[in-house]
Each structure stands twice: as C-alpha cells, then as structure tokens.
C-alpha atoms as a PDB file:
ATOM      1  CA  MET A   1      89.568 114.632 111.613  1.00  0.00           C
ATOM      2  CA  ILE A   2      92.264 112.438 109.630  1.00  0.00           C
ATOM      3  CA  THR A   3      95.452 110.837 111.137  1.00  0.00           C
ATOM      4  CA  PHE A   4      97.778 108.406 110.134  1.00  0.00           C
ATOM      5  CA  ARG A   5      99.445 105.787 111.862  1.00  0.00           C
ATOM      6  CA  ARG A   6     102.178 103.076 110.477  1.00  0.00           C
ATOM      7  CA  VAL A   7     100.816  99.879 109.486  1.00  0.00           C
ATOM      8  CA  THR A   8     102.066  96.969 112.062  1.00  0.00           C
ATOM      9  CA  GLU A   9     101.721  93.205 111.935  1.00  0.00           C
ATOM     10  CA  ASP A  10      98.935  93.653 114.211  1.00  0.00           C
ATOM     11  CA  ASP A  11      96.796  95.058 110.882  1.00  0.00           C
ATOM     12  CA  PHE A  12      97.525  92.319 108.786  1.00  0.00           C
ATOM     13  CA  GLY A  13      93.955  90.680 109.318  1.00  0.00           C
ATOM     14  CA  LEU A  14      92.089  94.263 108.450  1.00  0.00           C
ATOM     15  CA  LEU A  15      94.427  94.685 105.347  1.00  0.00           C
ATOM     16  CA  ALA A  16      93.512  91.454 104.243  1.00  0.00           C
ATOM     17  CA  HIS A  17      89.926  91.973 104.464  1.00  0.00           C
ATOM     18  CA  TRP A  18      90.063  95.134 102.292  1.00  0.00           C
ATOM     19  CA  LEU A  19      92.142  94.062 100.054  1.00  0.00           C
ATOM     20  CA  SER A  20      89.444  91.391  99.412  1.00  0.00           C
ATOM     21  CA  GLN A  21      86.790  93.724  99.184  1.00  0.00           C
ATOM     22  CA  PRO A  22      85.808  94.046  95.232  1.00  0.00           C
ATOM     23  CA  HIS A  23      86.234  97.938  94.669  1.00  0.00           C
ATOM     24  CA  VAL A  24      89.928  97.293  96.260  1.00  0.00           C
ATOM     25  CA  HIS A  25      90.750  94.079  94.531  1.00  0.00           C
ATOM     26  CA  ARG A  26      89.932  95.249  91.399  1.00  0.00           C
ATOM     27  CA  TRP A  27      92.682  97.764  90.999  1.00  0.00           C
ATOM     28  CA  TRP A  28      95.431  96.405  93.901  1.00  0.00           C
ATOM     29  CA  HIS A  29      94.848  92.704  93.017  1.00  0.00           C
ATOM     30  CA  HIS A  30      96.744  91.040  95.836  1.00  0.00           C
ATOM     31  CA  GLU A  31      96.578  87.884  97.211  1.00  0.00           C
ATOM     32  CA  THR A  32      94.911  87.954 100.859  1.00  0.00           C
ATOM     33  CA  SER A  33      95.992  84.740 102.414  1.00  0.00           C
ATOM     34  CA  PRO A  34      97.813  85.345 105.833  1.00  0.00           C
ATOM     35  CA  GLU A  35     100.781  84.320 104.270  1.00  0.00           C
ATOM     36  CA  ALA A  36     100.570  86.553 101.382  1.00  0.00           C
ATOM     37  CA  VAL A  37      99.753  89.774 103.312  1.00  0.00           C
ATOM     38  CA  ALA A  38     102.674  88.956 105.798  1.00  0.00           C
ATOM     39  CA  ARG A  39     105.040  88.642 102.743  1.00  0.00           C
ATOM     40  CA  ASP A  40     103.660  91.683 101.087  1.00  0.00           C
ATOM     41  CA  PHE A  41     103.156  94.142 104.025  1.00  0.00           C
ATOM     42  CA  GLY A  42     105.765  92.376 106.663  1.00  0.00           C
ATOM     43  CA  PRO A  43     109.289  93.919 105.375  1.00  0.00           C
ATOM     44  CA  THR A  44     107.816  97.536 105.320  1.00  0.00           C
ATOM     45  CA  ALA A  45     106.028  96.941 109.008  1.00  0.00           C
ATOM     46  CA  ARG A  46     109.174  95.761 110.068  1.00  0.00           C
ATOM     47  CA  GLY A  47     111.348  98.563 108.776  1.00  0.00           C
ATOM     48  CA  GLU A  48     113.440  96.273 106.516  1.00  0.00           C
ATOM     49  CA  GLU A  49     111.871  98.499 103.181  1.00  0.00           C
ATOM     50  CA  PRO A  50     112.460 101.939 102.750  1.00  0.00           C
ATOM     51  CA  SER A  51     108.784 102.748 101.813  1.00  0.00           C
ATOM     52  CA  GLU A  52     106.422 103.302 104.608  1.00  0.00           C
ATOM     53  CA  ASP A  53     102.345 101.916 105.072  1.00  0.00           C
ATOM     54  CA  HIS A  54     100.174 103.874 107.171  1.00  0.00           C
ATOM     55  CA  LEU A  55      96.450 103.329 108.186  1.00  0.00           C
ATOM     56  CA  ALA A  56      94.487 106.574 107.359  1.00  0.00           C
ATOM     57  CA  LEU A  57      92.153 106.710 110.231  1.00  0.00           C
ATOM     58  CA  VAL A  58      88.883 109.206 110.560  1.00  0.00           C
ATOM     59  CA  GLU A  59      88.309 110.038 114.115  1.00  0.00           C
ATOM     60  CA  GLY A  60      90.572 106.925 115.293  1.00  0.00           C
ATOM     61  CA  GLU A  61      88.785 104.642 112.870  1.00  0.00           C
ATOM     62  CA  PRO A  62      90.897 102.929 110.034  1.00  0.00           C
ATOM     63  CA  VAL A  63      89.336 103.941 106.845  1.00  0.00           C
ATOM     64  CA  GLY A  64      92.162 102.774 104.420  1.00  0.00           C
ATOM     65  CA  LEU A  65      95.921 102.301 103.611  1.00  0.00           C
ATOM     66  CA  ILE A  66      98.579 104.985 102.179  1.00  0.00           C
ATOM     67  CA  GLN A  67     101.764 104.415 101.448  1.00  0.00           C
ATOM     68  CA  ARG A  68     104.902 106.744 100.258  1.00  0.00           C
ATOM     69  CA  ALA A  69     108.101 105.726  98.918  1.00  0.00           C
ATOM     70  CA  ARG A  70     111.143 107.733  97.122  1.00  0.00           C
ATOM     71  CA  TRP A  71     110.911 106.406  93.320  1.00  0.00           C
ATOM     72  CA  HIS A  72     114.806 105.966  93.327  1.00  0.00           C
ATOM     73  CA  ASP A  73     114.693 103.499  96.445  1.00  0.00           C
ATOM     74  CA  TYR A  74     112.833 101.144  93.406  1.00  0.00           C
ATOM     75  CA  PRO A  75     115.136 100.899  90.573  1.00  0.00           C
ATOM     76  CA  GLU A  76     112.805  98.976  88.460  1.00  0.00           C
ATOM     77  CA  ASP A  77     110.403 101.222  88.894  1.00  0.00           C
ATOM     78  CA  VAL A  78     112.622 104.007  87.816  1.00  0.00           C
ATOM     79  CA  THR A  79     113.724 101.936  84.769  1.00  0.00           C
ATOM     80  CA  ALA A  80     109.567 101.203  83.777  1.00  0.00           C
ATOM     81  CA  LEU A  81     109.327 105.069  83.393  1.00  0.00           C
ATOM     82  CA  ALA A  82     112.607 105.667  81.641  1.00  0.00           C
ATOM     83  CA  GLY A  83     112.077 106.842  78.245  1.00  0.00           C
ATOM     84  CA  GLN A  84     108.395 108.403  79.214  1.00  0.00           C
ATOM     85  CA  VAL A  85     109.159 111.188  81.690  1.00  0.00           C
ATOM     86  CA  ALA A  86     111.724 112.721  83.484  1.00  0.00           C
ATOM     87  CA  LEU A  87     112.097 111.370  86.739  1.00  0.00           C
ATOM     88  CA  PRO A  88     113.360 114.161  89.516  1.00  0.00           C
ATOM     89  CA  ASP A  89     116.176 112.295  91.754  1.00  0.00           C
ATOM     90  CA  ASP A  90     113.942 113.810  94.860  1.00  0.00           C
ATOM     91  CA  ALA A  91     110.641 112.671  93.565  1.00  0.00           C
ATOM     92  CA  MET A  92     107.923 110.401  95.694  1.00  0.00           C
ATOM     93  CA  SER A  93     105.273 108.558  95.171  1.00  0.00           C
ATOM     94  CA  VAL A  94     102.027 107.301  97.029  1.00  0.00           C
ATOM     95  CA  ASP A  95      99.443 104.789  96.276  1.00  0.00           C
ATOM     96  CA  TYR A  96      96.188 104.211  98.596  1.00  0.00           C
ATOM     97  CA  PHE A  97      92.550 103.076  98.882  1.00  0.00           C
ATOM     98  CA  ILE A  98      89.640 103.444 100.816  1.00  0.00           C
ATOM     99  CA  GLY A  99      89.066 100.462 102.642  1.00  0.00           C
ATOM    100  CA  ASP A 100      86.009 100.141 104.175  1.00  0.00           C
ATOM    101  CA  VAL A 101      83.140 100.289 101.307  1.00  0.00           C
ATOM    102  CA  SER A 102      80.928 102.312 103.709  1.00  0.00           C
ATOM    103  CA  ARG A 103      83.037 105.482 103.140  1.00  0.00           C
ATOM    104  CA  ILE A 104      83.337 105.154  99.350  1.00  0.00           C
ATOM    105  CA  GLY A 105      81.799 108.104  97.611  1.00  0.00           C
ATOM    106  CA  GLN A 106      81.855 110.381 100.337  1.00  0.00           C
ATOM    107  CA  GLY A 107      84.782 112.762  99.118  1.00  0.00           C
ATOM    108  CA  LEU A 108      87.059 111.023 101.702  1.00  0.00           C
ATOM    109  CA  GLY A 109      89.771 109.928  99.277  1.00  0.00           C
ATOM    110  CA  PRO A 110      90.815 113.100  98.147  1.00  0.00           C
ATOM    111  CA  ARG A 111      91.001 114.279 101.745  1.00  0.00           C
ATOM    112  CA  VAL A 112      93.167 111.671 102.774  1.00  0.00           C
ATOM    113  CA  VAL A 113      95.494 112.239 100.153  1.00  0.00           C
ATOM    114  CA  THR A 114      95.866 115.846 100.749  1.00  0.00           C
ATOM    115  CA  ALA A 115      96.226 115.384 104.501  1.00  0.00           C
ATOM    116  CA  TYR A 116      98.761 112.343 103.600  1.00  0.00           C
ATOM    117  CA  VAL A 117     100.910 114.380 101.107  1.00  0.00           C
ATOM    118  CA  ALA A 118     101.019 117.440 103.762  1.00  0.00           C
ATOM    119  CA  LEU A 119     102.485 115.067 106.367  1.00  0.00           C
ATOM    120  CA  LEU A 120     104.761 113.734 103.396  1.00  0.00           C
ATOM    121  CA  TRP A 121     106.138 117.439 102.930  1.00  0.00           C
ATOM    122  CA  ARG A 122     106.730 117.601 106.662  1.00  0.00           C
ATOM    123  CA  ASP A 123     108.392 114.215 107.171  1.00  0.00           C
ATOM    124  CA  HIS A 124     110.675 114.351 103.729  1.00  0.00           C
ATOM    125  CA  PRO A 125     111.916 118.003 103.239  1.00  0.00           C
ATOM    126  CA  GLY A 126     114.165 117.259 100.525  1.00  0.00           C
ATOM    127  CA  CYS A 127     111.082 116.035  98.501  1.00  0.00           C
ATOM    128  CA  ARG A 128     109.842 118.462  95.918  1.00  0.00           C
ATOM    129  CA  THR A 129     107.627 116.175  93.749  1.00  0.00           C
ATOM    130  CA  VAL A 130     105.038 113.524  94.398  1.00  0.00           C
ATOM    131  CA  LEU A 131     104.225 111.840  90.945  1.00  0.00           C
ATOM    132  CA  VAL A 132     101.714 108.729  91.189  1.00  0.00           C
ATOM    133  CA  PRO A 133     100.518 106.457  88.200  1.00  0.00           C
ATOM    134  CA  VAL A 134      97.360 105.064  88.033  1.00  0.00           C
ATOM    135  CA  ALA A 135      95.925 102.674  85.810  1.00  0.00           C
ATOM    136  CA  SER A 136      93.815 104.543  83.211  1.00  0.00           C
ATOM    137  CA  GLY A 137      90.623 103.218  83.780  1.00  0.00           C
ATOM    138  CA  ASN A 138      90.873 103.555  87.445  1.00  0.00           C
ATOM    139  CA  ARG A 139      88.484 106.690  87.185  1.00  0.00           C
ATOM    140  CA  ARG A 140      87.883 106.908  90.718  1.00  0.00           C
ATOM    141  CA  SER A 141      91.433 107.141  91.783  1.00  0.00           C
ATOM    142  CA  TRP A 142      92.690 109.564  89.088  1.00  0.00           C
ATOM    143  CA  ARG A 143      89.649 111.648  90.315  1.00  0.00           C
ATOM    144  CA  THR A 144      91.051 111.503  93.652  1.00  0.00           C
ATOM    145  CA  LEU A 145      94.390 113.081  92.867  1.00  0.00           C
ATOM    146  CA  GLU A 146      92.763 115.709  90.860  1.00  0.00           C
ATOM    147  CA  LYS A 147      90.226 116.942  93.506  1.00  0.00           C
ATOM    148  CA  ALA A 148      93.619 116.743  95.928  1.00  0.00           C
ATOM    149  CA  GLY A 149      95.512 119.053  93.812  1.00  0.00           C
ATOM    150  CA  PHE A 150      97.613 116.768  91.175  1.00  0.00           C
ATOM    151  CA  GLY A 151      98.105 117.745  87.712  1.00  0.00           C
ATOM    152  CA  LEU A 152      98.056 115.271  84.619  1.00  0.00           C
ATOM    153  CA  LEU A 153     102.074 115.124  83.816  1.00  0.00           C
ATOM    154  CA  ALA A 154     101.597 112.429  81.076  1.00  0.00           C
ATOM    155  CA  GLU A 155     100.429 109.274  79.694  1.00  0.00           C
ATOM    156  CA  VAL A 156     102.631 106.365  80.074  1.00  0.00           C
ATOM    157  CA  GLU A 157     102.923 102.515  79.573  1.00  0.00           C
ATOM    158  CA  LEU A 158     103.454 100.554  82.666  1.00  0.00           C
ATOM    159  CA  GLU A 159     102.806  96.815  83.858  1.00  0.00           C
ATOM    160  CA  PRO A 160      99.402  96.743  85.439  1.00  0.00           C
ATOM    161  CA  ASP A 161      98.779  95.602  88.772  1.00  0.00           C
ATOM    162  CA  ASN A 162      95.895  93.577  87.603  1.00  0.00           C
ATOM    163  CA  PRO A 163      97.174  91.634  84.397  1.00  0.00           C
ATOM    164  CA  ILE A 164      93.281  92.091  82.669  1.00  0.00           C
ATOM    165  CA  ASP A 165      94.411  95.794  82.283  1.00  0.00           C
ATOM    166  CA  PRO A 166      96.330  97.422  79.658  1.00  0.00           C
ATOM    167  CA  PRO A 167      99.520  99.107  80.099  1.00  0.00           C
ATOM    168  CA  GLN A 168      98.123 102.673  79.576  1.00  0.00           C
ATOM    169  CA  HIS A 169      98.480 104.747  83.120  1.00  0.00           C
ATOM    170  CA  ARG A 170      98.020 108.538  83.842  1.00  0.00           C
ATOM    171  CA  LEU A 171     101.049 109.953  85.599  1.00  0.00           C
ATOM    172  CA  TYR A 172     100.155 112.738  88.030  1.00  0.00           C
ATOM    173  CA  ARG A 173     102.267 115.250  89.545  1.00  0.00           C
ATOM    174  CA  LEU A 174     102.360 117.755  92.593  1.00  0.00           C
ATOM    175  CA  SER A 175     105.036 119.885  93.333  1.00  0.00           C
ATOM    176  CA  ARG A 176     105.925 121.201  96.972  1.00  0.00           C
ATOM    177  CA  PRO A 177     103.962 124.600  97.495  1.00  0.00           C
ATOM    178  CA  ASP A 178     107.008 126.273  98.359  1.00  0.00           C
ATOM    179  CA  ALA A 179     109.446 124.927  95.599  1.00  0.00           C
END
C-alpha cells in the first residue's frame, strides 16, 4: 500500500541521503549539506511556501519524495513557459524521485505518481490539469509519467536543474478524469 505524509525537519537527513544517490543527484542536482537541505526544504516543511513536499511510503517505509505545487504560485516558472504553451490558471505540477535505490526498476514510480495524483485531485478540487516538465534526457522519469497516464503535450525549453543538461524538456499533461 502506498501512502504519503508531509515532510518534516526530522526527514532532512533522509532527504540528504537520497539526494546524494547518483540516480537522484544526476537529475535533481541539489546540494546535500544539512544547511542546504534545510534551506531548500525547510520553508515548505514549516508551511512558509505554497508547495507541498511528501514522503512516499510503501507499507509505512519511506521510498521517495514527491512534491506538488500550483504553477501560478511561482511566477518565474509561469514566465519560463510563456509563449511555449498555454498554462491554465488552475494547473498544478508534481515532481518526484524514488530515493531508495533498491526500489528502482520495479514499477514503483508510476504507482507512486498515480496514487499521488489521485490524492491531488481529492485535496485540490479546483485543479483540472497537472503539467509536468521533465528534462528530455531523463527517460526514466518521462516513462514514469507515461505509465501513470500522462500524455506528451509539448517539447519546451526550460532552464535545467542540472547545468550539464540542455534546455530541452518534455511537458506532460494529465487532465482530471471528470473534467
């Protein structure tokens, strides 16, 4: 059974460990010092940011991180997409990783994303669309979205999380089932 719980400051050590794993660090490219993790995840954990960070749990054991946010709560992200795609006012996004390397390659990612989006629809009834950009080179991530029912909406250019990557991204879309 997949469940979710909000990230707390007590989880920062686990996040630092996961973020340092090569399969995560390659695409998330975060600093992993205690200070950096507190800087990057503390405001959300304390409710000072409009986004939400959750641990994905399988049978109660943490296996990854998944986040959700409204696009329009982050104007710089809206600006980055301007002129490339129409961005609905109610659109949200998710971002995710499986941190436990022993759980990679077992079909867990699509199951986590599917369960999380179901929770998103319940918790945010005004959201009709989830749009997720993925670096074009991150095939594992965009295949996760496809297996979770997302469809490719467009190819867009965005600043990559990792400076070694080009700006090309695949933008995936999932509409609320009852929309």
